[in-house]
PDB file of all heavy atoms in Angstrom:
ATOM      1  N   LEU A   1       0.799  -1.254  -0.086  1.00  0.00           N
ATOM      2  CA  LEU A   1      -0.004   0.074  -0.053  1.00  0.00           C
ATOM      3  C   LEU A   1       0.827   1.272   0.029  1.00  0.00           C
ATOM      4  O   LEU A   1       0.693   2.213  -0.701  1.00  0.00           O
ATOM      5  CB  LEU A   1      -0.984  -0.027   1.149  1.00  0.00           C
ATOM      6  CG  LEU A   1      -1.770   1.228   1.425  1.00  0.00           C
ATOM      7  CD1 LEU A   1      -2.693   1.438   0.295  1.00  0.00           C
ATOM      8  CD2 LEU A   1      -2.536   1.102   2.831  1.00  0.00           C
ATOM      9  N   VAL A   2       1.897   1.286   0.897  1.00  0.00           N
ATOM     10  CA  VAL A   2       2.707   2.456   0.998  1.00  0.00           C
ATOM     11  C   VAL A   2       3.498   2.535  -0.442  1.00  0.00           C
ATOM     12  O   VAL A   2       3.649   3.789  -0.803  1.00  0.00           O
ATOM     13  CB  VAL A   2       3.761   2.350   2.127  1.00  0.00           C
ATOM     14  CG1 VAL A   2       4.821   3.373   2.080  1.00  0.00           C
ATOM     15  CG2 VAL A   2       3.117   2.354   3.488  1.00  0.00           C
ATOM     16  N   ARG A   3       3.903   1.664  -0.994  1.00  0.00           N
ATOM     17  CA  ARG A   3       4.600   1.633  -2.238  1.00  0.00           C
ATOM     18  C   ARG A   3       3.714   2.221  -3.420  1.00  0.00           C
ATOM     19  O   ARG A   3       4.150   2.994  -4.175  1.00  0.00           O
ATOM     20  CB  ARG A   3       5.266   0.357  -2.655  1.00  0.00           C
ATOM     21  CG  ARG A   3       6.501  -0.112  -1.842  1.00  0.00           C
ATOM     22  CD  ARG A   3       7.314  -1.075  -2.513  1.00  0.00           C
ATOM     23  NE  ARG A   3       6.541  -2.386  -2.837  1.00  0.00           N
ATOM     24  CZ  ARG A   3       6.317  -3.401  -2.085  1.00  0.00           C
ATOM     25  NH1 ARG A   3       6.915  -3.280  -0.786  1.00  0.00           N
ATOM     26  NH2 ARG A   3       5.623  -4.343  -2.331  1.00  0.00           N
ATOM     27  N   LEU A   4       2.558   1.728  -3.385  1.00  0.00           N
ATOM     28  CA  LEU A   4       1.533   2.193  -4.252  1.00  0.00           C
ATOM     29  C   LEU A   4       1.349   3.669  -4.266  1.00  0.00           C
ATOM     30  O   LEU A   4       1.439   4.506  -5.171  1.00  0.00           O
ATOM     31  CB  LEU A   4       0.236   1.500  -4.294  1.00  0.00           C
ATOM     32  CG  LEU A   4      -0.874   1.794  -5.246  1.00  0.00           C
ATOM     33  CD1 LEU A   4      -0.495   1.310  -6.548  1.00  0.00           C
ATOM     34  CD2 LEU A   4      -2.183   1.378  -4.903  1.00  0.00           C
ATOM     35  N   VAL A   5       1.010   4.250  -3.026  1.00  0.00           N
ATOM     36  CA  VAL A   5       0.749   5.683  -2.711  1.00  0.00           C
ATOM     37  C   VAL A   5       1.987   6.370  -3.112  1.00  0.00           C
ATOM     38  O   VAL A   5       1.893   7.554  -3.610  1.00  0.00           O
ATOM     39  CB  VAL A   5       0.204   5.737  -1.381  1.00  0.00           C
ATOM     40  CG1 VAL A   5      -0.180   7.366  -1.068  1.00  0.00           C
ATOM     41  CG2 VAL A   5      -1.114   4.939  -1.159  1.00  0.00           C
ATOM     42  N   ALA A   6       3.131   5.928  -2.614  1.00  0.00           N
ATOM     43  CA  ALA A   6       4.375   6.770  -2.894  1.00  0.00           C
ATOM     44  C   ALA A   6       4.927   6.842  -4.269  1.00  0.00           C
ATOM     45  O   ALA A   6       5.782   7.504  -4.548  1.00  0.00           O
ATOM     46  CB  ALA A   6       5.454   6.193  -1.873  1.00  0.00           C
ATOM     47  N   GLY A   7       4.371   5.811  -5.130  1.00  0.00           N
ATOM     48  CA  GLY A   7       4.741   5.746  -6.479  1.00  0.00           C
ATOM     49  C   GLY A   7       5.887   4.862  -6.747  1.00  0.00           C
ATOM     50  O   GLY A   7       6.553   4.919  -7.839  1.00  0.00           O
ATOM     51  N   ASP A   8       6.271   4.104  -5.704  1.00  0.00           N
ATOM     52  CA  ASP A   8       7.233   3.183  -5.832  1.00  0.00           C
ATOM     53  C   ASP A   8       6.800   1.893  -6.676  1.00  0.00           C
ATOM     54  O   ASP A   8       5.615   1.508  -6.603  1.00  0.00           O
ATOM     55  CB  ASP A   8       7.828   2.561  -4.561  1.00  0.00           C
ATOM     56  CG  ASP A   8       8.491   3.727  -3.696  1.00  0.00           C
ATOM     57  OD1 ASP A   8       8.951   4.720  -4.304  1.00  0.00           O
ATOM     58  OD2 ASP A   8       8.551   3.609  -2.511  1.00  0.00           O
ATOM     59  N   GLN A   9       7.709   1.256  -7.525  1.00  0.00           N
ATOM     60  CA  GLN A   9       7.361   0.143  -8.280  1.00  0.00           C
ATOM     61  C   GLN A   9       6.886  -0.959  -7.549  1.00  0.00           C
ATOM     62  O   GLN A   9       7.599  -1.447  -6.563  1.00  0.00           O
ATOM     63  CB  GLN A   9       8.493  -0.268  -9.273  1.00  0.00           C
ATOM     64  CG  GLN A   9       8.070  -1.332 -10.256  1.00  0.00           C
ATOM     65  CD  GLN A   9       9.185  -1.604 -11.280  1.00  0.00           C
ATOM     66  OE1 GLN A   9      10.410  -1.044 -11.166  1.00  0.00           O
ATOM     67  NE2 GLN A   9       8.903  -2.347 -12.327  1.00  0.00           N
ATOM     68  N   LEU A  10       5.864  -1.659  -7.895  1.00  0.00           N
ATOM     69  CA  LEU A  10       5.321  -2.902  -7.151  1.00  0.00           C
ATOM     70  C   LEU A  10       6.116  -3.960  -7.748  1.00  0.00           C
ATOM     71  O   LEU A  10       6.637  -3.844  -8.933  1.00  0.00           O
ATOM     72  CB  LEU A  10       3.854  -3.006  -7.421  1.00  0.00           C
ATOM     73  CG  LEU A  10       2.987  -1.917  -6.819  1.00  0.00           C
ATOM     74  CD1 LEU A  10       1.496  -2.291  -7.054  1.00  0.00           C
ATOM     75  CD2 LEU A  10       3.190  -1.747  -5.348  1.00  0.00           C
ATOM     76  N   GLU A  11       6.159  -5.085  -7.140  1.00  0.00           N
ATOM     77  CA  GLU A  11       6.886  -6.314  -7.627  1.00  0.00           C
ATOM     78  C   GLU A  11       6.335  -6.737  -8.938  1.00  0.00           C
ATOM     79  O   GLU A  11       5.111  -6.611  -9.179  1.00  0.00           O
ATOM     80  CB  GLU A  11       6.916  -7.382  -6.609  1.00  0.00           C
ATOM     81  CG  GLU A  11       5.545  -7.914  -6.259  1.00  0.00           C
ATOM     82  CD  GLU A  11       5.037  -7.278  -4.908  1.00  0.00           C
ATOM     83  OE1 GLU A  11       5.455  -6.291  -4.673  1.00  0.00           O
ATOM     84  OE2 GLU A  11       4.232  -7.921  -4.283  1.00  0.00           O
ATOM     85  N   GLU A  12       7.209  -7.216  -9.764  1.00  0.00           N
ATOM     86  CA  GLU A  12       6.655  -7.566 -11.174  1.00  0.00           C
ATOM     87  C   GLU A  12       5.926  -9.042 -11.067  1.00  0.00           C
ATOM     88  O   GLU A  12       6.364  -9.913 -10.304  1.00  0.00           O
ATOM     89  CB  GLU A  12       7.906  -7.811 -12.076  1.00  0.00           C
ATOM     90  CG  GLU A  12       8.628  -6.533 -12.316  1.00  0.00           C
ATOM     91  CD  GLU A  12       7.883  -5.734 -13.303  1.00  0.00           C
ATOM     92  OE1 GLU A  12       7.165  -6.162 -14.208  1.00  0.00           O
ATOM     93  OE2 GLU A  12       7.931  -4.495 -13.157  1.00  0.00           O
ATOM     94  N   ALA A  13       4.857  -9.095 -11.932  1.00  0.00           N
ATOM     95  CA  ALA A  13       4.129 -10.370 -11.938  1.00  0.00           C
ATOM     96  C   ALA A  13       4.803 -11.167 -13.052  1.00  0.00           C
ATOM     97  O   ALA A  13       5.696 -10.637 -13.819  1.00  0.00           O
ATOM     98  CB  ALA A  13       2.703 -10.162 -12.405  1.00  0.00           C
ATOM     99  N   PRO A  14       4.789 -12.473 -12.933  1.00  0.00           N
ATOM    100  CA  PRO A  14       5.547 -13.391 -13.816  1.00  0.00           C
ATOM    101  C   PRO A  14       5.239 -13.023 -15.278  1.00  0.00           C
ATOM    102  O   PRO A  14       6.074 -13.103 -16.210  1.00  0.00           O
ATOM    103  CB  PRO A  14       5.013 -14.798 -13.626  1.00  0.00           C
ATOM    104  CG  PRO A  14       4.380 -14.722 -12.200  1.00  0.00           C
ATOM    105  CD  PRO A  14       4.020 -13.312 -12.010  1.00  0.00           C
ATOM    106  N   THR A  15       3.882 -12.550 -15.647  1.00  0.00           N
ATOM    107  CA  THR A  15       3.677 -12.332 -17.038  1.00  0.00           C
ATOM    108  C   THR A  15       3.607 -10.763 -17.321  1.00  0.00           C
ATOM    109  O   THR A  15       4.290 -10.221 -18.143  1.00  0.00           O
ATOM    110  CB  THR A  15       2.417 -12.881 -17.528  1.00  0.00           C
ATOM    111  OG1 THR A  15       1.398 -12.632 -16.684  1.00  0.00           O
ATOM    112  CG2 THR A  15       2.589 -14.368 -17.568  1.00  0.00           C
ATOM    113  N   ALA A  16       2.784 -10.146 -16.512  1.00  0.00           N
ATOM    114  CA  ALA A  16       2.413  -8.708 -16.815  1.00  0.00           C
ATOM    115  C   ALA A  16       2.498  -7.918 -15.519  1.00  0.00           C
ATOM    116  O   ALA A  16       1.923  -8.302 -14.634  1.00  0.00           O
ATOM    117  CB  ALA A  16       1.110  -8.543 -17.367  1.00  0.00           C
ATOM    118  N   ALA A  17       3.478  -6.968 -15.434  1.00  0.00           N
ATOM    119  CA  ALA A  17       3.660  -6.356 -14.174  1.00  0.00           C
ATOM    120  C   ALA A  17       2.612  -5.309 -13.943  1.00  0.00           C
ATOM    121  O   ALA A  17       2.212  -4.560 -14.756  1.00  0.00           O
ATOM    122  CB  ALA A  17       4.972  -5.652 -14.212  1.00  0.00           C
ATOM    123  N   GLY A  18       2.241  -5.177 -12.737  1.00  0.00           N
ATOM    124  CA  GLY A  18       1.360  -4.397 -12.072  1.00  0.00           C
ATOM    125  C   GLY A  18       0.419  -3.493 -12.804  1.00  0.00           C
ATOM    126  O   GLY A  18       0.329  -2.542 -12.323  1.00  0.00           O
ATOM    127  N   SER A  19      -0.216  -3.430 -13.723  1.00  0.00           N
ATOM    128  CA  SER A  19      -1.203  -2.495 -14.058  1.00  0.00           C
ATOM    129  C   SER A  19      -1.778  -2.080 -15.403  1.00  0.00           C
ATOM    130  O   SER A  19      -1.598  -2.719 -16.333  1.00  0.00           O
ATOM    131  CB  SER A  19      -0.618  -2.013 -14.315  1.00  0.00           C
ATOM    132  OG  SER A  19      -0.571  -3.443 -14.933  1.00  0.00           O
ATOM    133  N   PRO A  20      -3.004  -1.211 -15.352  1.00  0.00           N
ATOM    134  CA  PRO A  20      -3.742  -1.072 -16.507  1.00  0.00           C
ATOM    135  C   PRO A  20      -3.117  -0.150 -17.432  1.00  0.00           C
ATOM    136  O   PRO A  20      -2.047   0.349 -17.112  1.00  0.00           O
ATOM    137  CB  PRO A  20      -5.041  -0.557 -16.122  1.00  0.00           C
ATOM    138  CG  PRO A  20      -4.753  -0.050 -14.837  1.00  0.00           C
ATOM    139  CD  PRO A  20      -3.616  -0.563 -14.367  1.00  0.00           C
ATOM    140  N   ALA A  21      -3.749  -0.028 -18.567  1.00  0.00           N
ATOM    141  CA  ALA A  21      -3.268   0.947 -19.532  1.00  0.00           C
ATOM    142  C   ALA A  21      -4.364   1.884 -19.816  1.00  0.00           C
ATOM    143  O   ALA A  21      -5.489   1.538 -19.948  1.00  0.00           O
ATOM    144  CB  ALA A  21      -2.738   0.192 -20.619  1.00  0.00           C
ATOM    145  N   THR A  22      -4.021   3.155 -20.086  1.00  0.00           N
ATOM    146  CA  THR A  22      -4.990   4.002 -20.601  1.00  0.00           C
ATOM    147  C   THR A  22      -4.640   4.508 -21.956  1.00  0.00           C
ATOM    148  O   THR A  22      -3.285   4.909 -22.135  1.00  0.00           O
ATOM    149  CB  THR A  22      -5.105   5.258 -19.600  1.00  0.00           C
ATOM    150  OG1 THR A  22      -3.940   5.873 -19.489  1.00  0.00           O
ATOM    151  CG2 THR A  22      -5.682   4.786 -18.220  1.00  0.00           C
ATOM    152  N   GLY A  23      -5.484   4.498 -22.817  1.00  0.00           N
ATOM    153  CA  GLY A  23      -5.138   4.893 -24.205  1.00  0.00           C
ATOM    154  C   GLY A  23      -5.534   6.287 -24.498  1.00  0.00           C
ATOM    155  O   GLY A  23      -6.169   7.047 -23.674  1.00  0.00           O
ATOM    156  N   PRO A  24      -5.231   6.850 -25.569  1.00  0.00           N
ATOM    157  CA  PRO A  24      -5.497   8.311 -25.868  1.00  0.00           C
ATOM    158  C   PRO A  24      -6.934   8.550 -25.902  1.00  0.00           C
ATOM    159  O   PRO A  24      -7.384   9.661 -25.704  1.00  0.00           O
ATOM    160  CB  PRO A  24      -4.788   8.484 -27.263  1.00  0.00           C
ATOM    161  CG  PRO A  24      -4.076   7.280 -27.588  1.00  0.00           C
ATOM    162  CD  PRO A  24      -4.340   6.200 -26.563  1.00  0.00           C
TER     163      PRO A  24
END
């Protein structure tokens, strides 16, 4: 939680690391 709020990178998942994507 602290890493997320602070903007630190979360640990990588085996396939896709931590997150969504927003398009234009």
